[in-house]
Amino acid sequence: MFRRLGISVYPDNSVFEEDLAYITFAKAQGFERIFMSMLEVTQGKAAVA
């Protein structure tokens, strides 16, 4: 069975620059997918679009 590794990012509970560093590091380690929980975004649709 083929599996693709992924990471989770929670934009309302993190700092963009730290997320970017985490994503860059994860990609270098072979991760291919990102899961983002948009349920916790409280700033509205315009803040994440």
PDB file of N, CA and C in Angstrom:
ATOM      1  N   MET A   1       0.840  -1.177   0.000  1.00  0.00           N
ATOM      2  CA  MET A   1       0.000   0.000   0.000  1.00  0.00           C
ATOM      3  C   MET A   1       0.893   1.251   0.000  1.00  0.00           C
ATOM      4  N   PHE A   2       0.555   2.199  -0.844  1.00  0.00           N
ATOM      5  CA  PHE A   2       1.304   3.453  -0.949  1.00  0.00           C
ATOM      6  C   PHE A   2       0.679   4.500  -0.040  1.00  0.00           C
ATOM      7  N   ARG A   3       1.491   5.137   0.795  1.00  0.00           N
ATOM      8  CA  ARG A   3       1.002   6.194   1.686  1.00  0.00           C
ATOM      9  C   ARG A   3       1.786   7.468   1.442  1.00  0.00           C
ATOM     10  N   ARG A   4       1.081   8.571   1.499  1.00  0.00           N
ATOM     11  CA  ARG A   4       1.730   9.876   1.386  1.00  0.00           C
ATOM     12  C   ARG A   4       1.666  10.548   2.746  1.00  0.00           C
ATOM     13  N   LEU A   5       2.804  11.031   3.209  1.00  0.00           N
ATOM     14  CA  LEU A   5       2.875  11.659   4.522  1.00  0.00           C
ATOM     15  C   LEU A   5       2.362  13.087   4.475  1.00  0.00           C
ATOM     16  N   GLY A   6       1.793  13.544   5.585  1.00  0.00           N
ATOM     17  CA  GLY A   6       1.288  14.899   5.661  1.00  0.00           C
ATOM     18  C   GLY A   6       1.501  15.503   7.037  1.00  0.00           C
ATOM     19  N   ILE A   7       1.273  16.803   7.115  1.00  0.00           N
ATOM     20  CA  ILE A   7       1.404  17.548   8.369  1.00  0.00           C
ATOM     21  C   ILE A   7       0.119  18.334   8.601  1.00  0.00           C
ATOM     22  N   SER A   8      -0.074  18.814   9.820  1.00  0.00           N
ATOM     23  CA  SER A   8      -1.226  19.645  10.160  1.00  0.00           C
ATOM     24  C   SER A   8      -0.761  21.051  10.500  1.00  0.00           C
ATOM     25  N   VAL A   9      -1.539  22.035  10.045  1.00  0.00           N
ATOM     26  CA  VAL A   9      -1.265  23.443  10.331  1.00  0.00           C
ATOM     27  C   VAL A   9      -2.564  24.066  10.819  1.00  0.00           C
ATOM     28  N   TYR A  10      -2.485  24.825  11.889  1.00  0.00           N
ATOM     29  CA  TYR A  10      -3.647  25.488  12.470  1.00  0.00           C
ATOM     30  C   TYR A  10      -3.422  26.997  12.421  1.00  0.00           C
ATOM     31  N   PRO A  11      -3.854  27.668  11.346  1.00  0.00           N
ATOM     32  CA  PRO A  11      -3.502  29.067  11.100  1.00  0.00           C
ATOM     33  C   PRO A  11      -3.965  30.046  12.167  1.00  0.00           C
ATOM     34  N   ASP A  12      -5.026  29.751  12.893  1.00  0.00           N
ATOM     35  CA  ASP A  12      -5.508  30.683  13.906  1.00  0.00           C
ATOM     36  C   ASP A  12      -4.732  30.564  15.217  1.00  0.00           C
ATOM     37  N   ASN A  13      -3.914  29.513  15.328  1.00  0.00           N
ATOM     38  CA  ASN A  13      -3.165  29.264  16.564  1.00  0.00           C
ATOM     39  C   ASN A  13      -1.660  29.262  16.340  1.00  0.00           C
ATOM     40  N   SER A  14      -1.205  29.940  15.294  1.00  0.00           N
ATOM     41  CA  SER A  14       0.224  29.901  14.990  1.00  0.00           C
ATOM     42  C   SER A  14       0.677  31.195  14.324  1.00  0.00           C
ATOM     43  N   VAL A  15       1.983  31.282  14.123  1.00  0.00           N
ATOM     44  CA  VAL A  15       2.608  32.436  13.485  1.00  0.00           C
ATOM     45  C   VAL A  15       2.996  32.038  12.062  1.00  0.00           C
ATOM     46  N   PHE A  16       2.664  32.869  11.079  1.00  0.00           N
ATOM     47  CA  PHE A  16       2.898  32.540   9.673  1.00  0.00           C
ATOM     48  C   PHE A  16       4.346  32.142   9.407  1.00  0.00           C
ATOM     49  N   GLU A  17       5.301  32.908   9.904  1.00  0.00           N
ATOM     50  CA  GLU A  17       6.718  32.622   9.645  1.00  0.00           C
ATOM     51  C   GLU A  17       7.130  31.260  10.206  1.00  0.00           C
ATOM     52  N   GLU A  18       6.593  30.911  11.382  1.00  0.00           N
ATOM     53  CA  GLU A  18       6.895  29.601  11.962  1.00  0.00           C
ATOM     54  C   GLU A  18       6.252  28.481  11.137  1.00  0.00           C
ATOM     55  N   ASP A  19       5.030  28.724  10.671  1.00  0.00           N
ATOM     56  CA  ASP A  19       4.370  27.741   9.810  1.00  0.00           C
ATOM     57  C   ASP A  19       5.158  27.518   8.525  1.00  0.00           C
ATOM     58  N   LEU A  20       5.632  28.600   7.930  1.00  0.00           N
ATOM     59  CA  LEU A  20       6.398  28.498   6.691  1.00  0.00           C
ATOM     60  C   LEU A  20       7.680  27.691   6.911  1.00  0.00           C
ATOM     61  N   ALA A  21       8.374  27.933   8.016  1.00  0.00           N
ATOM     62  CA  ALA A  21       9.582  27.172   8.332  1.00  0.00           C
ATOM     63  C   ALA A  21       9.251  25.691   8.541  1.00  0.00           C
ATOM     64  N   TYR A  22       8.141  25.417   9.224  1.00  0.00           N
ATOM     65  CA  TYR A  22       7.693  24.043   9.475  1.00  0.00           C
ATOM     66  C   TYR A  22       7.355  23.335   8.168  1.00  0.00           C
ATOM     67  N   ILE A  23       6.647  24.015   7.282  1.00  0.00           N
ATOM     68  CA  ILE A  23       6.273  23.443   5.990  1.00  0.00           C
ATOM     69  C   ILE A  23       7.504  23.174   5.138  1.00  0.00           C
ATOM     70  N   THR A  24       8.438  24.106   5.121  1.00  0.00           N
ATOM     71  CA  THR A  24       9.681  23.942   4.363  1.00  0.00           C
ATOM     72  C   THR A  24      10.482  22.745   4.878  1.00  0.00           C
ATOM     73  N   PHE A  25      10.587  22.635   6.207  1.00  0.00           N
ATOM     74  CA  PHE A  25      11.303  21.511   6.811  1.00  0.00           C
ATOM     75  C   PHE A  25      10.601  20.187   6.489  1.00  0.00           C
ATOM     76  N   ALA A  26       9.279  20.171   6.618  1.00  0.00           N
ATOM     77  CA  ALA A  26       8.520  18.946   6.358  1.00  0.00           C
ATOM     78  C   ALA A  26       8.686  18.491   4.909  1.00  0.00           C
ATOM     79  N   LYS A  27       8.668  19.424   3.977  1.00  0.00           N
ATOM     80  CA  LYS A  27       8.855  19.075   2.571  1.00  0.00           C
ATOM     81  C   LYS A  27      10.222  18.438   2.352  1.00  0.00           C
ATOM     82  N   ALA A  28      11.247  18.986   2.984  1.00  0.00           N
ATOM     83  CA  ALA A  28      12.599  18.433   2.858  1.00  0.00           C
ATOM     84  C   ALA A  28      12.679  17.015   3.433  1.00  0.00           C
ATOM     85  N   GLN A  29      11.778  16.689   4.367  1.00  0.00           N
ATOM     86  CA  GLN A  29      11.764  15.362   4.981  1.00  0.00           C
ATOM     87  C   GLN A  29      10.859  14.380   4.239  1.00  0.00           C
ATOM     88  N   GLY A  30      10.213  14.840   3.153  1.00  0.00           N
ATOM     89  CA  GLY A  30       9.411  13.940   2.339  1.00  0.00           C
ATOM     90  C   GLY A  30       7.908  14.056   2.517  1.00  0.00           C
ATOM     91  N   PHE A  31       7.443  14.990   3.328  1.00  0.00           N
ATOM     92  CA  PHE A  31       6.010  15.173   3.507  1.00  0.00           C
ATOM     93  C   PHE A  31       5.430  15.844   2.268  1.00  0.00           C
ATOM     94  N   GLU A  32       4.221  15.412   1.858  1.00  0.00           N
ATOM     95  CA  GLU A  32       3.635  15.895   0.605  1.00  0.00           C
ATOM     96  C   GLU A  32       2.283  16.571   0.773  1.00  0.00           C
ATOM     97  N   ARG A  33       1.653  16.429   1.927  1.00  0.00           N
ATOM     98  CA  ARG A  33       0.304  16.962   2.106  1.00  0.00           C
ATOM     99  C   ARG A  33       0.235  17.855   3.337  1.00  0.00           C
ATOM    100  N   ILE A  34      -0.707  18.809   3.288  1.00  0.00           N
ATOM    101  CA  ILE A  34      -0.953  19.697   4.425  1.00  0.00           C
ATOM    102  C   ILE A  34      -2.436  19.644   4.756  1.00  0.00           C
ATOM    103  N   PHE A  35      -2.742  19.420   6.010  1.00  0.00           N
ATOM    104  CA  PHE A  35      -4.098  19.503   6.503  1.00  0.00           C
ATOM    105  C   PHE A  35      -4.209  20.811   7.269  1.00  0.00           C
ATOM    106  N   MET A  36      -5.203  21.619   6.927  1.00  0.00           N
ATOM    107  CA  MET A  36      -5.428  22.881   7.631  1.00  0.00           C
ATOM    108  C   MET A  36      -6.825  22.878   8.220  1.00  0.00           C
ATOM    109  N   SER A  37      -6.927  23.080   9.511  1.00  0.00           N
ATOM    110  CA  SER A  37      -8.218  23.167  10.166  1.00  0.00           C
ATOM    111  C   SER A  37      -8.719  24.603  10.082  1.00  0.00           C
ATOM    112  N   MET A  38      -9.734  24.795   9.267  1.00  0.00           N
ATOM    113  CA  MET A  38     -10.301  26.132   9.094  1.00  0.00           C
ATOM    114  C   MET A  38     -11.468  26.375  10.051  1.00  0.00           C
ATOM    115  N   LEU A  39     -11.820  25.389  10.851  1.00  0.00           N
ATOM    116  CA  LEU A  39     -12.937  25.530  11.786  1.00  0.00           C
ATOM    117  C   LEU A  39     -12.644  26.534  12.899  1.00  0.00           C
ATOM    118  N   GLU A  40     -11.373  26.715  13.208  1.00  0.00           N
ATOM    119  CA  GLU A  40     -11.005  27.587  14.312  1.00  0.00           C
ATOM    120  C   GLU A  40     -10.701  29.012  13.888  1.00  0.00           C
ATOM    121  N   VAL A  41     -10.751  29.322  12.614  1.00  0.00           N
ATOM    122  CA  VAL A  41     -10.458  30.674  12.130  1.00  0.00           C
ATOM    123  C   VAL A  41     -11.604  31.591  12.572  1.00  0.00           C
ATOM    124  N   THR A  42     -11.266  32.594  13.348  1.00  0.00           N
ATOM    125  CA  THR A  42     -12.284  33.495  13.890  1.00  0.00           C
ATOM    126  C   THR A  42     -12.278  34.865  13.220  1.00  0.00           C
ATOM    127  N   GLN A  43     -11.330  35.121  12.329  1.00  0.00           N
ATOM    128  CA  GLN A  43     -11.183  36.440  11.724  1.00  0.00           C
ATOM    129  C   GLN A  43     -12.014  36.616  10.451  1.00  0.00           C
ATOM    130  N   GLY A  44     -12.732  35.598  10.045  1.00  0.00           N
ATOM    131  CA  GLY A  44     -13.577  35.693   8.869  1.00  0.00           C
ATOM    132  C   GLY A  44     -12.888  35.196   7.607  1.00  0.00           C
ATOM    133  N   LYS A  45     -13.690  35.036   6.585  1.00  0.00           N
ATOM    134  CA  LYS A  45     -13.236  34.471   5.313  1.00  0.00           C
ATOM    135  C   LYS A  45     -12.148  35.315   4.657  1.00  0.00           C
ATOM    136  N   ALA A  46     -12.240  36.632   4.715  1.00  0.00           N
ATOM    137  CA  ALA A  46     -11.267  37.521   4.064  1.00  0.00           C
ATOM    138  C   ALA A  46      -9.860  37.355   4.648  1.00  0.00           C
ATOM    139  N   ALA A  47      -9.745  36.972   5.902  1.00  0.00           N
ATOM    140  CA  ALA A  47      -8.437  36.835   6.553  1.00  0.00           C
ATOM    141  C   ALA A  47      -7.660  35.629   6.055  1.00  0.00           C
ATOM    142  N   VAL A  48      -8.349  34.632   5.514  1.00  0.00           N
ATOM    143  CA  VAL A  48      -7.669  33.402   5.087  1.00  0.00           C
ATOM    144  C   VAL A  48      -7.748  33.158   3.585  1.00  0.00           C
ATOM    145  N   ALA A  49      -8.459  33.983   2.879  1.00  0.00           N
ATOM    146  CA  ALA A  49      -8.609  33.799   1.435  1.00  0.00           C
ATOM    147  C   ALA A  49      -7.405  34.270   0.664  1.00  0.00           C
TER     148      ALA A  49
END
